[in-house]
Amino acid sequence: MTLSRRCFTRQLASALACCTLSLGAGQATAEQTEYPEQPIELLVPFAAGGTTDIIARAIAEPLGKELGQPVLVVNIDGQGGIAGAQQIARSAADGYRLGIATVSSMASNPAIAPDIGYHPLNDFSPIIHIASAPNVLSVHSSFPAKSYAEFVKAVQAKPDGYRYATSGTGGIGHLQMELLQSLSGLALQHAPYGGAGPALNSVVTGEVPILFDNLPSSLFSVTSGKLRPIAIAAPERIAALPQVPTFKELGLEPANRMAYYGIVGPKDLPRPIVYKIHAATAKVLGMANVRQRIEDTGAQVISGSPEEFAAQIKAEYEVYEELVKQRKLTLE
């Protein structure tokens, strides 16, 4: 089955219709609740320094000011995002512990490991889609390749396989690289880390030669010459790296998938709280300085509704669920 953009668009439209019906009932205005009356934790399911952490910290302080209580970023490092997502899912539905949702924690991880203790479609309350970001395949500056064609040649010339670093087993980087290997016939060895920050550091220092990462966390290392970009997953070439082709241009369109970042709470979060957090976050994302800080990383601000974000989560999960079945992937 080809994971085409057309297929994804149909899935998203269908999911949006479903989610609008399920989430639309019982809407209430945020003013009907006294929430919040104490500080709010915003869990990041990865180590500090990665894209998820960058985006969470960009909104946390101004969001706290909008809500009238501090929003405290808490990093939960472990299992490629699973540990943090588990804590979010198991939290009380009172709005005082929220989390950043990503493709890794809400799609690829549960697709490859359905017994991880939570389900992305049943155990969370989607609140807002903050941003989407390109993914980038890059190599250490000493790697013998400056283009995708040279990358293929170098990998093929090493029978025992180069290693590539990602934020963790079952994360978007892992599954995207599995997809790339399936499409290209290349053989690489996975080196999982406990977050995008540690994975990035392993390649910058030369411990591992290849990295698949979100562009925001890699961009500085790329522009400073520590990493060399090979291909990017985005609808079109981006202004920050105009010389880097998209996977679509290289004939690898199924791998041309962006990452998303949004806020979720545990299931059964009262709708007035959902809409109050959404309204405050949307206002923050409309602030020029916050928007600029996010866009400077290479991400695109989205600010979608709770219903739209629920549909996005559902559609993306189904894409990776199908990929896992096709590739017969496990966490082993």
C-alpha atoms as a PDB file:
ATOM      1  CA  MET A   1       0.000   0.000   0.000  1.00  0.00           C
ATOM      2  CA  THR A   2       1.384   3.390  -0.908  1.00  0.00           C
ATOM      3  CA  LEU A   3       1.066   5.937   1.878  1.00  0.00           C
ATOM      4  CA  SER A   4       0.217   8.741  -0.496  1.00  0.00           C
ATOM      5  CA  ARG A   5      -0.733  12.288   0.323  1.00  0.00           C
ATOM      6  CA  ARG A   6      -4.149  11.679  -1.247  1.00  0.00           C
ATOM      7  CA  CYS A   7      -4.769   8.760   1.090  1.00  0.00           C
ATOM      8  CA  PHE A   8      -3.672  10.824   4.075  1.00  0.00           C
ATOM      9  CA  THR A   9      -5.959  13.699   3.050  1.00  0.00           C
ATOM     10  CA  ARG A  10      -8.944  11.346   2.866  1.00  0.00           C
ATOM     11  CA  GLN A  11      -8.083   9.933   6.285  1.00  0.00           C
ATOM     12  CA  LEU A  12      -7.800  13.398   7.786  1.00  0.00           C
ATOM     13  CA  ALA A  13     -11.143  14.539   6.357  1.00  0.00           C
ATOM     14  CA  SER A  14     -12.889  11.407   7.613  1.00  0.00           C
ATOM     15  CA  ALA A  15     -11.288  11.689  11.024  1.00  0.00           C
ATOM     16  CA  LEU A  16     -12.246  15.345  11.331  1.00  0.00           C
ATOM     17  CA  ALA A  17     -15.897  14.535  10.646  1.00  0.00           C
ATOM     18  CA  CYS A  18     -15.875  11.844  13.342  1.00  0.00           C
ATOM     19  CA  CYS A  19     -14.071  13.934  15.906  1.00  0.00           C
ATOM     20  CA  THR A  20     -16.299  16.949  15.353  1.00  0.00           C
ATOM     21  CA  LEU A  21     -19.332  14.824  16.216  1.00  0.00           C
ATOM     22  CA  SER A  22     -17.748  13.259  19.295  1.00  0.00           C
ATOM     23  CA  LEU A  23     -16.205  16.420  20.670  1.00  0.00           C
ATOM     24  CA  GLY A  24     -18.902  18.889  19.738  1.00  0.00           C
ATOM     25  CA  ALA A  25     -21.428  17.800  22.347  1.00  0.00           C
ATOM     26  CA  GLY A  26     -21.436  19.522  25.654  1.00  0.00           C
ATOM     27  CA  GLN A  27     -19.398  22.540  24.625  1.00  0.00           C
ATOM     28  CA  ALA A  28     -19.311  25.228  27.279  1.00  0.00           C
ATOM     29  CA  THR A  29     -17.642  28.560  27.603  1.00  0.00           C
ATOM     30  CA  ALA A  30     -14.346  28.758  29.469  1.00  0.00           C
ATOM     31  CA  GLU A  31     -15.813  31.423  31.736  1.00  0.00           C
ATOM     32  CA  GLN A  32     -17.988  28.780  33.440  1.00  0.00           C
ATOM     33  CA  THR A  33     -14.989  27.394  35.332  1.00  0.00           C
ATOM     34  CA  GLU A  34     -12.692  28.965  37.934  1.00  0.00           C
ATOM     35  CA  TYR A  35      -9.763  27.050  36.460  1.00  0.00           C
ATOM     36  CA  PRO A  36      -6.877  27.470  37.019  1.00  0.00           C
ATOM     37  CA  GLU A  37      -6.347  27.978  40.742  1.00  0.00           C
ATOM     38  CA  GLN A  38      -2.795  26.594  40.958  1.00  0.00           C
ATOM     39  CA  PRO A  39       0.307  26.156  38.735  1.00  0.00           C
ATOM     40  CA  ILE A  40       0.000  23.890  35.703  1.00  0.00           C
ATOM     41  CA  GLU A  41       2.555  21.276  34.656  1.00  0.00           C
ATOM     42  CA  LEU A  42       3.283  20.932  30.944  1.00  0.00           C
ATOM     43  CA  LEU A  43       4.974  17.573  30.440  1.00  0.00           C
ATOM     44  CA  VAL A  44       7.474  17.181  27.602  1.00  0.00           C
ATOM     45  CA  PRO A  45       7.957  13.448  26.904  1.00  0.00           C
ATOM     46  CA  PHE A  46      11.612  13.898  25.907  1.00  0.00           C
ATOM     47  CA  ALA A  47      14.872  15.243  27.296  1.00  0.00           C
ATOM     48  CA  ALA A  48      15.597  18.962  27.234  1.00  0.00           C
ATOM     49  CA  GLY A  49      17.078  20.443  24.083  1.00  0.00           C
ATOM     50  CA  GLY A  50      14.951  18.805  21.413  1.00  0.00           C
ATOM     51  CA  THR A  51      12.241  20.334  19.248  1.00  0.00           C
ATOM     52  CA  THR A  52       9.410  19.362  21.595  1.00  0.00           C
ATOM     53  CA  ASP A  53      11.186  21.046  24.493  1.00  0.00           C
ATOM     54  CA  ILE A  54      11.957  24.173  22.441  1.00  0.00           C
ATOM     55  CA  ILE A  55       8.320  24.630  21.432  1.00  0.00           C
ATOM     56  CA  ALA A  56       7.000  23.939  24.949  1.00  0.00           C
ATOM     57  CA  ARG A  57       9.298  26.557  26.445  1.00  0.00           C
ATOM     58  CA  ALA A  58       8.388  29.084  23.752  1.00  0.00           C
ATOM     59  CA  ILE A  59       4.754  29.086  24.894  1.00  0.00           C
ATOM     60  CA  ALA A  60       4.978  28.223  28.607  1.00  0.00           C
ATOM     61  CA  GLU A  61       5.680  31.625  30.156  1.00  0.00           C
ATOM     62  CA  PRO A  62       3.216  33.682  28.079  1.00  0.00           C
ATOM     63  CA  LEU A  63       0.593  30.948  28.443  1.00  0.00           C
ATOM     64  CA  GLY A  64       0.967  31.137  32.206  1.00  0.00           C
ATOM     65  CA  LYS A  65       0.389  34.875  32.074  1.00  0.00           C
ATOM     66  CA  GLU A  66      -2.749  34.398  29.973  1.00  0.00           C
ATOM     67  CA  LEU A  67      -4.145  31.775  32.342  1.00  0.00           C
ATOM     68  CA  GLY A  68      -3.129  33.599  35.512  1.00  0.00           C
ATOM     69  CA  GLN A  69      -1.027  30.727  36.872  1.00  0.00           C
ATOM     70  CA  PRO A  70       2.534  29.603  36.037  1.00  0.00           C
ATOM     71  CA  VAL A  71       2.923  26.904  33.385  1.00  0.00           C
ATOM     72  CA  LEU A  72       5.901  24.768  34.392  1.00  0.00           C
ATOM     73  CA  VAL A  73       7.702  22.687  31.764  1.00  0.00           C
ATOM     74  CA  VAL A  74       8.632  19.233  33.087  1.00  0.00           C
ATOM     75  CA  ASN A  75      10.813  16.922  30.988  1.00  0.00           C
ATOM     76  CA  ILE A  76      10.016  13.199  31.315  1.00  0.00           C
ATOM     77  CA  ASP A  77      12.841  11.399  29.540  1.00  0.00           C
ATOM     78  CA  GLY A  78      12.469   7.723  28.682  1.00  0.00           C
ATOM     79  CA  GLN A  79      11.365   5.114  26.164  1.00  0.00           C
ATOM     80  CA  GLY A  80      11.335   7.497  23.223  1.00  0.00           C
ATOM     81  CA  GLY A  81       8.398   9.505  24.562  1.00  0.00           C
ATOM     82  CA  ILE A  82       6.377   6.628  26.008  1.00  0.00           C
ATOM     83  CA  ALA A  83       7.131   7.342  29.685  1.00  0.00           C
ATOM     84  CA  GLY A  84       5.960  10.936  29.431  1.00  0.00           C
ATOM     85  CA  ALA A  85       2.827  10.059  27.483  1.00  0.00           C
ATOM     86  CA  GLN A  86       1.953   7.424  30.088  1.00  0.00           C
ATOM     87  CA  GLN A  87       2.126  10.040  32.838  1.00  0.00           C
ATOM     88  CA  ILE A  88      -0.124  12.401  30.895  1.00  0.00           C
ATOM     89  CA  ALA A  89      -2.682   9.649  30.258  1.00  0.00           C
ATOM     90  CA  ARG A  90      -2.729   8.629  33.930  1.00  0.00           C
ATOM     91  CA  SER A  91      -3.089  12.153  35.300  1.00  0.00           C
ATOM     92  CA  ALA A  92      -6.210  13.507  36.957  1.00  0.00           C
ATOM     93  CA  ALA A  93      -8.623  15.148  34.535  1.00  0.00           C
ATOM     94  CA  ASP A  94      -8.446  18.505  36.295  1.00  0.00           C
ATOM     95  CA  GLY A  95      -6.245  20.468  33.881  1.00  0.00           C
ATOM     96  CA  TYR A  96      -3.236  20.781  36.169  1.00  0.00           C
ATOM     97  CA  ARG A  97      -1.108  18.309  34.257  1.00  0.00           C
ATOM     98  CA  LEU A  98      -1.036  18.688  30.490  1.00  0.00           C
ATOM     99  CA  GLY A  99       1.455  17.426  27.949  1.00  0.00           C
ATOM    100  CA  ILE A 100       2.986  18.041  24.568  1.00  0.00           C
ATOM    101  CA  ALA A 101       1.808  15.482  22.027  1.00  0.00           C
ATOM    102  CA  THR A 102       4.035  14.497  19.110  1.00  0.00           C
ATOM    103  CA  VAL A 103       3.926  12.044  16.237  1.00  0.00           C
ATOM    104  CA  SER A 104       6.279   9.803  18.231  1.00  0.00           C
ATOM    105  CA  SER A 105       4.200   9.713  21.414  1.00  0.00           C
ATOM    106  CA  MET A 106       0.772   9.666  19.741  1.00  0.00           C
ATOM    107  CA  ALA A 107       1.318   7.762  16.486  1.00  0.00           C
ATOM    108  CA  SER A 108       4.527   5.839  15.896  1.00  0.00           C
ATOM    109  CA  ASN A 109       5.088   4.575  19.460  1.00  0.00           C
ATOM    110  CA  PRO A 110       1.559   3.233  20.025  1.00  0.00           C
ATOM    111  CA  ALA A 111       1.501   1.852  16.482  1.00  0.00           C
ATOM    112  CA  ILE A 112       4.626  -0.233  17.044  1.00  0.00           C
ATOM    113  CA  ALA A 113       3.808  -1.090  20.677  1.00  0.00           C
ATOM    114  CA  PRO A 114       0.029  -1.250  21.223  1.00  0.00           C
ATOM    115  CA  ASP A 115       0.510  -2.605  24.767  1.00  0.00           C
ATOM    116  CA  ILE A 116       2.390   0.434  26.113  1.00  0.00           C
ATOM    117  CA  GLY A 117      -0.390   1.367  28.512  1.00  0.00           C
ATOM    118  CA  TYR A 118      -2.257   4.053  26.593  1.00  0.00           C
ATOM    119  CA  HIS A 119      -4.113   4.509  23.326  1.00  0.00           C
ATOM    120  CA  PRO A 120      -3.782   7.806  21.446  1.00  0.00           C
ATOM    121  CA  LEU A 121      -7.434   7.888  20.432  1.00  0.00           C
ATOM    122  CA  ASN A 122      -8.971   6.857  23.758  1.00  0.00           C
ATOM    123  CA  ASP A 123      -6.817   8.153  26.608  1.00  0.00           C
ATOM    124  CA  PHE A 124      -6.277  11.849  25.851  1.00  0.00           C
ATOM    125  CA  SER A 125      -8.179  15.094  25.372  1.00  0.00           C
ATOM    126  CA  PRO A 126      -6.711  16.954  22.369  1.00  0.00           C
ATOM    127  CA  ILE A 127      -6.567  20.704  23.008  1.00  0.00           C
ATOM    128  CA  ILE A 128      -4.569  22.507  20.324  1.00  0.00           C
ATOM    129  CA  HIS A 129      -2.219  21.775  17.428  1.00  0.00           C
ATOM    130  CA  ILE A 130       0.610  24.229  18.104  1.00  0.00           C
ATOM    131  CA  ALA A 131       2.921  23.723  15.143  1.00  0.00           C
ATOM    132  CA  SER A 132       4.270  21.392  12.483  1.00  0.00           C
ATOM    133  CA  ALA A 133       7.910  21.032  11.555  1.00  0.00           C
ATOM    134  CA  PRO A 134       9.958  19.475   8.764  1.00  0.00           C
ATOM    135  CA  ASN A 135      12.085  16.431   9.477  1.00  0.00           C
ATOM    136  CA  VAL A 136      15.631  16.261   8.158  1.00  0.00           C
ATOM    137  CA  LEU A 137      18.094  13.506   7.320  1.00  0.00           C
ATOM    138  CA  SER A 138      21.585  14.794   8.056  1.00  0.00           C
ATOM    139  CA  VAL A 139      25.104  13.458   8.526  1.00  0.00           C
ATOM    140  CA  HIS A 140      28.212  14.412  10.468  1.00  0.00           C
ATOM    141  CA  SER A 141      30.402  16.897   8.618  1.00  0.00           C
ATOM    142  CA  SER A 142      33.029  14.176   8.055  1.00  0.00           C
ATOM    143  CA  PHE A 143      30.595  11.760   6.387  1.00  0.00           C
ATOM    144  CA  PRO A 144      31.594  10.993   2.764  1.00  0.00           C
ATOM    145  CA  ALA A 145      28.454  12.429   1.137  1.00  0.00           C
ATOM    146  CA  LYS A 146      27.157  15.866   0.190  1.00  0.00           C
ATOM    147  CA  SER A 147      24.039  14.741  -1.688  1.00  0.00           C
ATOM    148  CA  TYR A 148      21.458  11.982  -1.460  1.00  0.00           C
ATOM    149  CA  ALA A 149      23.068  10.129  -4.377  1.00  0.00           C
ATOM    150  CA  GLU A 150      26.425  10.205  -2.591  1.00  0.00           C
ATOM    151  CA  PHE A 151      24.717   9.161   0.642  1.00  0.00           C
ATOM    152  CA  VAL A 152      23.276   6.083  -1.068  1.00  0.00           C
ATOM    153  CA  LYS A 153      26.666   5.228  -2.570  1.00  0.00           C
ATOM    154  CA  ALA A 154      28.428   5.573   0.796  1.00  0.00           C
ATOM    155  CA  VAL A 155      25.895   3.410   2.634  1.00  0.00           C
ATOM    156  CA  GLN A 156      25.969   0.730  -0.058  1.00  0.00           C
ATOM    157  CA  ALA A 157      29.775   0.634   0.165  1.00  0.00           C
ATOM    158  CA  LYS A 158      29.679  -0.321   3.861  1.00  0.00           C
ATOM    159  CA  PRO A 159      28.315  -3.878   4.156  1.00  0.00           C
ATOM    160  CA  ASP A 160      28.090  -3.848   7.966  1.00  0.00           C
ATOM    161  CA  GLY A 161      25.932  -0.715   7.833  1.00  0.00           C
ATOM    162  CA  TYR A 162      26.277   2.787   9.205  1.00  0.00           C
ATOM    163  CA  ARG A 163      24.426   3.657  12.394  1.00  0.00           C
ATOM    164  CA  TYR A 164      21.761   6.353  12.539  1.00  0.00           C
ATOM    165  CA  ALA A 165      20.599   8.149  15.684  1.00  0.00           C
ATOM    166  CA  THR A 166      16.988   8.960  16.592  1.00  0.00           C
ATOM    167  CA  SER A 167      15.079  10.099  19.674  1.00  0.00           C
ATOM    168  CA  GLY A 168      14.162   6.486  20.484  1.00  0.00           C
ATOM    169  CA  THR A 169      12.856   3.113  19.358  1.00  0.00           C
ATOM    170  CA  GLY A 170       9.361   3.421  17.942  1.00  0.00           C
ATOM    171  CA  GLY A 171       9.637   7.183  17.493  1.00  0.00           C
ATOM    172  CA  ILE A 172       8.983   9.044  14.277  1.00  0.00           C
ATOM    173  CA  GLY A 173      12.685   9.070  13.389  1.00  0.00           C
ATOM    174  CA  HIS A 174      12.905   5.296  13.742  1.00  0.00           C
ATOM    175  CA  LEU A 175       9.808   4.609  11.662  1.00  0.00           C
ATOM    176  CA  GLN A 176      10.710   7.214   9.053  1.00  0.00           C
ATOM    177  CA  MET A 177      14.128   5.609   8.621  1.00  0.00           C
ATOM    178  CA  GLU A 178      12.509   2.177   8.383  1.00  0.00           C
ATOM    179  CA  LEU A 179      10.309   3.598   5.664  1.00  0.00           C
ATOM    180  CA  LEU A 180      13.308   5.140   3.900  1.00  0.00           C
ATOM    181  CA  GLN A 181      15.166   1.821   3.982  1.00  0.00           C
ATOM    182  CA  SER A 182      12.110   0.072   2.564  1.00  0.00           C
ATOM    183  CA  LEU A 183      11.840   2.576  -0.272  1.00  0.00           C
ATOM    184  CA  SER A 184      15.568   2.754  -1.063  1.00  0.00           C
ATOM    185  CA  GLY A 185      16.815  -0.748  -0.300  1.00  0.00           C
ATOM    186  CA  LEU A 186      19.490   0.657   2.022  1.00  0.00           C
ATOM    187  CA  ALA A 187      20.572  -1.126   5.217  1.00  0.00           C
ATOM    188  CA  LEU A 188      21.337   0.935   8.327  1.00  0.00           C
ATOM    189  CA  GLN A 189      21.642   0.175  12.039  1.00  0.00           C
ATOM    190  CA  HIS A 190      19.411   1.980  14.527  1.00  0.00           C
ATOM    191  CA  ALA A 191      20.999   3.801  17.488  1.00  0.00           C
ATOM    192  CA  PRO A 192      18.090   4.945  19.714  1.00  0.00           C
ATOM    193  CA  TYR A 193      18.552   7.675  22.324  1.00  0.00           C
ATOM    194  CA  GLY A 194      16.331   9.063  25.075  1.00  0.00           C
ATOM    195  CA  GLY A 195      15.279  12.156  23.171  1.00  0.00           C
ATOM    196  CA  ALA A 196      16.156  14.393  20.245  1.00  0.00           C
ATOM    197  CA  GLY A 197      18.756  16.319  22.253  1.00  0.00           C
ATOM    198  CA  PRO A 198      20.940  13.302  23.118  1.00  0.00           C
ATOM    199  CA  ALA A 199      20.537  11.906  19.584  1.00  0.00           C
ATOM    200  CA  LEU A 200      21.630  15.210  18.076  1.00  0.00           C
ATOM    201  CA  ASN A 201      24.624  15.411  20.402  1.00  0.00           C
ATOM    202  CA  SER A 202      25.738  11.903  19.440  1.00  0.00           C
ATOM    203  CA  VAL A 203      26.017  12.919  15.793  1.00  0.00           C
ATOM    204  CA  VAL A 204      27.478  16.381  16.384  1.00  0.00           C
ATOM    205  CA  THR A 205      30.270  14.767  18.430  1.00  0.00           C
ATOM    206  CA  GLY A 206      30.868  12.084  15.798  1.00  0.00           C
ATOM    207  CA  GLU A 207      29.762   9.140  17.940  1.00  0.00           C
ATOM    208  CA  VAL A 208      27.129   8.234  15.319  1.00  0.00           C
ATOM    209  CA  PRO A 209      27.395   9.439  11.696  1.00  0.00           C
ATOM    210  CA  ILE A 210      23.731   9.794  10.638  1.00  0.00           C
ATOM    211  CA  LEU A 211      20.757  11.568  12.217  1.00  0.00           C
ATOM    212  CA  PHE A 212      17.046  11.674  11.480  1.00  0.00           C
ATOM    213  CA  ASP A 213      15.575  14.536  13.474  1.00  0.00           C
ATOM    214  CA  ASN A 214      13.099  17.386  13.494  1.00  0.00           C
ATOM    215  CA  LEU A 215      14.551  20.424  11.779  1.00  0.00           C
ATOM    216  CA  PRO A 216      14.064  22.850  14.710  1.00  0.00           C
ATOM    217  CA  SER A 217      16.430  20.947  16.998  1.00  0.00           C
ATOM    218  CA  SER A 218      18.984  20.316  14.210  1.00  0.00           C
ATOM    219  CA  LEU A 219      18.909  23.668  12.426  1.00  0.00           C
ATOM    220  CA  PHE A 220      21.658  25.415  14.394  1.00  0.00           C
ATOM    221  CA  SER A 221      24.017  22.455  14.001  1.00  0.00           C
ATOM    222  CA  VAL A 222      23.247  22.373  10.284  1.00  0.00           C
ATOM    223  CA  THR A 223      23.747  26.088   9.671  1.00  0.00           C
ATOM    224  CA  SER A 224      26.940  26.094  11.773  1.00  0.00           C
ATOM    225  CA  GLY A 225      28.422  23.320   9.641  1.00  0.00           C
ATOM    226  CA  LYS A 226      28.504  20.597  12.281  1.00  0.00           C
ATOM    227  CA  LEU A 227      25.878  18.619  10.383  1.00  0.00           C
ATOM    228  CA  ARG A 228      25.330  18.309   6.647  1.00  0.00           C
ATOM    229  CA  PRO A 229      21.684  18.043   5.500  1.00  0.00           C
ATOM    230  CA  ILE A 230      20.921  15.375   2.899  1.00  0.00           C
ATOM    231  CA  ALA A 231      17.131  15.506   2.487  1.00  0.00           C
ATOM    232  CA  ILE A 232      14.168  17.165   4.146  1.00  0.00           C
ATOM    233  CA  ALA A 233      10.572  16.084   4.779  1.00  0.00           C
ATOM    234  CA  ALA A 234       8.431  19.104   3.916  1.00  0.00           C
ATOM    235  CA  PRO A 235       5.826  20.063   1.291  1.00  0.00           C
ATOM    236  CA  GLU A 236       8.494  22.091  -0.539  1.00  0.00           C
ATOM    237  CA  ARG A 237      12.064  23.280  -0.054  1.00  0.00           C
ATOM    238  CA  ILE A 238      12.414  25.622   2.888  1.00  0.00           C
ATOM    239  CA  ALA A 239      13.924  29.094   2.902  1.00  0.00           C
ATOM    240  CA  ALA A 240      16.478  28.258   5.604  1.00  0.00           C
ATOM    241  CA  LEU A 241      17.943  25.399   3.529  1.00  0.00           C
ATOM    242  CA  PRO A 242      17.050  26.129  -0.103  1.00  0.00           C
ATOM    243  CA  GLN A 243      19.710  23.791  -1.472  1.00  0.00           C
ATOM    244  CA  VAL A 244      18.321  20.714   0.307  1.00  0.00           C
ATOM    245  CA  PRO A 245      15.834  18.605  -1.707  1.00  0.00           C
ATOM    246  CA  THR A 246      12.641  17.185  -0.249  1.00  0.00           C
ATOM    247  CA  PHE A 247      12.101  13.444  -0.084  1.00  0.00           C
ATOM    248  CA  LYS A 248       9.346  13.941  -2.638  1.00  0.00           C
ATOM    249  CA  GLU A 249      11.834  15.414  -5.117  1.00  0.00           C
ATOM    250  CA  LEU A 250      14.017  12.351  -4.617  1.00  0.00           C
ATOM    251  CA  GLY A 251      11.143  10.019  -5.502  1.00  0.00           C
ATOM    252  CA  LEU A 252      10.547   9.083  -1.859  1.00  0.00           C
ATOM    253  CA  GLU A 253       7.202  10.806  -1.248  1.00  0.00           C
ATOM    254  CA  PRO A 254       5.926   8.377   1.443  1.00  0.00           C
ATOM    255  CA  ALA A 255       8.864   9.518   3.614  1.00  0.00           C
ATOM    256  CA  ASN A 256       7.951  13.177   3.092  1.00  0.00           C
ATOM    257  CA  ARG A 257       6.113  13.494   6.429  1.00  0.00           C
ATOM    258  CA  MET A 258       6.300  16.443   8.820  1.00  0.00           C
ATOM    259  CA  ALA A 259       6.142  16.298  12.615  1.00  0.00           C
ATOM    260  CA  TYR A 260       3.391  17.878  14.721  1.00  0.00           C
ATOM    261  CA  TYR A 261       3.357  19.366  18.221  1.00  0.00           C
ATOM    262  CA  GLY A 262       0.282  20.088  20.292  1.00  0.00           C
ATOM    263  CA  ILE A 263      -1.174  20.144  23.783  1.00  0.00           C
ATOM    264  CA  VAL A 264      -3.263  17.313  25.201  1.00  0.00           C
ATOM    265  CA  GLY A 265      -4.709  16.490  28.583  1.00  0.00           C
ATOM    266  CA  PRO A 266      -5.908  13.169  29.991  1.00  0.00           C
ATOM    267  CA  LYS A 267      -9.218  11.777  28.790  1.00  0.00           C
ATOM    268  CA  ASP A 268     -12.436  13.262  30.150  1.00  0.00           C
ATOM    269  CA  LEU A 269     -10.891  16.687  30.675  1.00  0.00           C
ATOM    270  CA  PRO A 270     -13.934  18.970  31.119  1.00  0.00           C
ATOM    271  CA  ARG A 271     -14.766  20.809  27.915  1.00  0.00           C
ATOM    272  CA  PRO A 272     -14.746  24.261  29.575  1.00  0.00           C
ATOM    273  CA  ILE A 273     -11.135  23.630  30.606  1.00  0.00           C
ATOM    274  CA  VAL A 274     -10.217  22.352  27.136  1.00  0.00           C
ATOM    275  CA  TYR A 275     -11.606  25.465  25.493  1.00  0.00           C
ATOM    276  CA  LYS A 276     -10.097  27.822  28.053  1.00  0.00           C
ATOM    277  CA  ILE A 277      -6.614  26.368  27.488  1.00  0.00           C
ATOM    278  CA  HIS A 278      -7.192  26.400  23.737  1.00  0.00           C
ATOM    279  CA  ALA A 279      -8.258  30.044  23.714  1.00  0.00           C
ATOM    280  CA  ALA A 280      -5.292  31.119  25.847  1.00  0.00           C
ATOM    281  CA  THR A 281      -2.800  29.146  23.747  1.00  0.00           C
ATOM    282  CA  ALA A 282      -4.245  30.454  20.494  1.00  0.00           C
ATOM    283  CA  LYS A 283      -3.828  33.994  21.829  1.00  0.00           C
ATOM    284  CA  VAL A 284      -0.206  33.248  22.751  1.00  0.00           C
ATOM    285  CA  LEU A 285       0.474  31.814  19.293  1.00  0.00           C
ATOM    286  CA  GLY A 286      -0.838  35.052  17.826  1.00  0.00           C
ATOM    287  CA  MET A 287       1.835  37.052  19.643  1.00  0.00           C
ATOM    288  CA  ALA A 288       4.511  38.178  17.199  1.00  0.00           C
ATOM    289  CA  ASN A 289       7.434  37.329  19.484  1.00  0.00           C
ATOM    290  CA  VAL A 290       6.166  33.826  20.267  1.00  0.00           C
ATOM    291  CA  ARG A 291       5.324  33.096  16.647  1.00  0.00           C
ATOM    292  CA  GLN A 292       8.745  34.353  15.585  1.00  0.00           C
ATOM    293  CA  ARG A 293      10.499  32.211  18.178  1.00  0.00           C
ATOM    294  CA  ILE A 294       8.733  29.096  16.910  1.00  0.00           C
ATOM    295  CA  GLU A 295       9.169  29.926  13.236  1.00  0.00           C
ATOM    296  CA  ASP A 296      12.856  30.727  13.743  1.00  0.00           C
ATOM    297  CA  THR A 297      13.340  27.041  14.536  1.00  0.00           C
ATOM    298  CA  GLY A 298      11.953  26.026  11.136  1.00  0.00           C
ATOM    299  CA  ALA A 299       8.499  25.077  12.438  1.00  0.00           C
ATOM    300  CA  GLN A 300       5.175  26.438  11.166  1.00  0.00           C
ATOM    301  CA  VAL A 301       2.570  27.725  13.649  1.00  0.00           C
ATOM    302  CA  ILE A 302      -0.815  26.001  13.152  1.00  0.00           C
ATOM    303  CA  SER A 303      -3.089  26.900  16.115  1.00  0.00           C
ATOM    304  CA  GLY A 304      -5.763  24.350  15.189  1.00  0.00           C
ATOM    305  CA  SER A 305      -8.977  23.686  17.103  1.00  0.00           C
ATOM    306  CA  PRO A 306      -9.424  20.750  19.519  1.00  0.00           C
ATOM    307  CA  GLU A 307     -11.511  18.952  16.900  1.00  0.00           C
ATOM    308  CA  GLU A 308      -8.948  19.513  14.154  1.00  0.00           C
ATOM    309  CA  PHE A 309      -6.135  18.304  16.375  1.00  0.00           C
ATOM    310  CA  ALA A 310      -8.103  15.182  17.332  1.00  0.00           C
ATOM    311  CA  ALA A 311      -8.545  14.440  13.631  1.00  0.00           C
ATOM    312  CA  GLN A 312      -4.839  15.000  12.966  1.00  0.00           C
ATOM    313  CA  ILE A 313      -3.876  12.582  15.743  1.00  0.00           C
ATOM    314  CA  LYS A 314      -6.263   9.925  14.413  1.00  0.00           C
ATOM    315  CA  ALA A 315      -5.154  10.211  10.798  1.00  0.00           C
ATOM    316  CA  GLU A 316      -1.424  10.159  11.584  1.00  0.00           C
ATOM    317  CA  TYR A 317      -1.807   7.187  13.925  1.00  0.00           C
ATOM    318  CA  GLU A 318      -3.538   5.213  11.187  1.00  0.00           C
ATOM    319  CA  VAL A 319      -0.710   5.965   8.733  1.00  0.00           C
ATOM    320  CA  TYR A 320       1.954   4.596  11.083  1.00  0.00           C
ATOM    321  CA  GLU A 321      -0.210   1.685  12.173  1.00  0.00           C
ATOM    322  CA  GLU A 322      -0.328   0.602   8.519  1.00  0.00           C
ATOM    323  CA  LEU A 323       3.446   1.082   8.126  1.00  0.00           C
ATOM    324  CA  VAL A 324       4.143  -1.107  11.170  1.00  0.00           C
ATOM    325  CA  LYS A 325       1.966  -3.866   9.718  1.00  0.00           C
ATOM    326  CA  GLN A 326       3.672  -3.655   6.325  1.00  0.00           C
ATOM    327  CA  ARG A 327       7.196  -3.733   7.772  1.00  0.00           C
ATOM    328  CA  LYS A 328       6.293  -6.148  10.610  1.00  0.00           C
ATOM    329  CA  LEU A 329       8.047  -3.869  13.076  1.00  0.00           C
ATOM    330  CA  THR A 330       8.351  -4.490  16.816  1.00  0.00           C
ATOM    331  CA  LEU A 331      10.247  -2.912  19.690  1.00  0.00           C
ATOM    332  CA  GLU A 332      12.640  -5.883  19.799  1.00  0.00           C
END
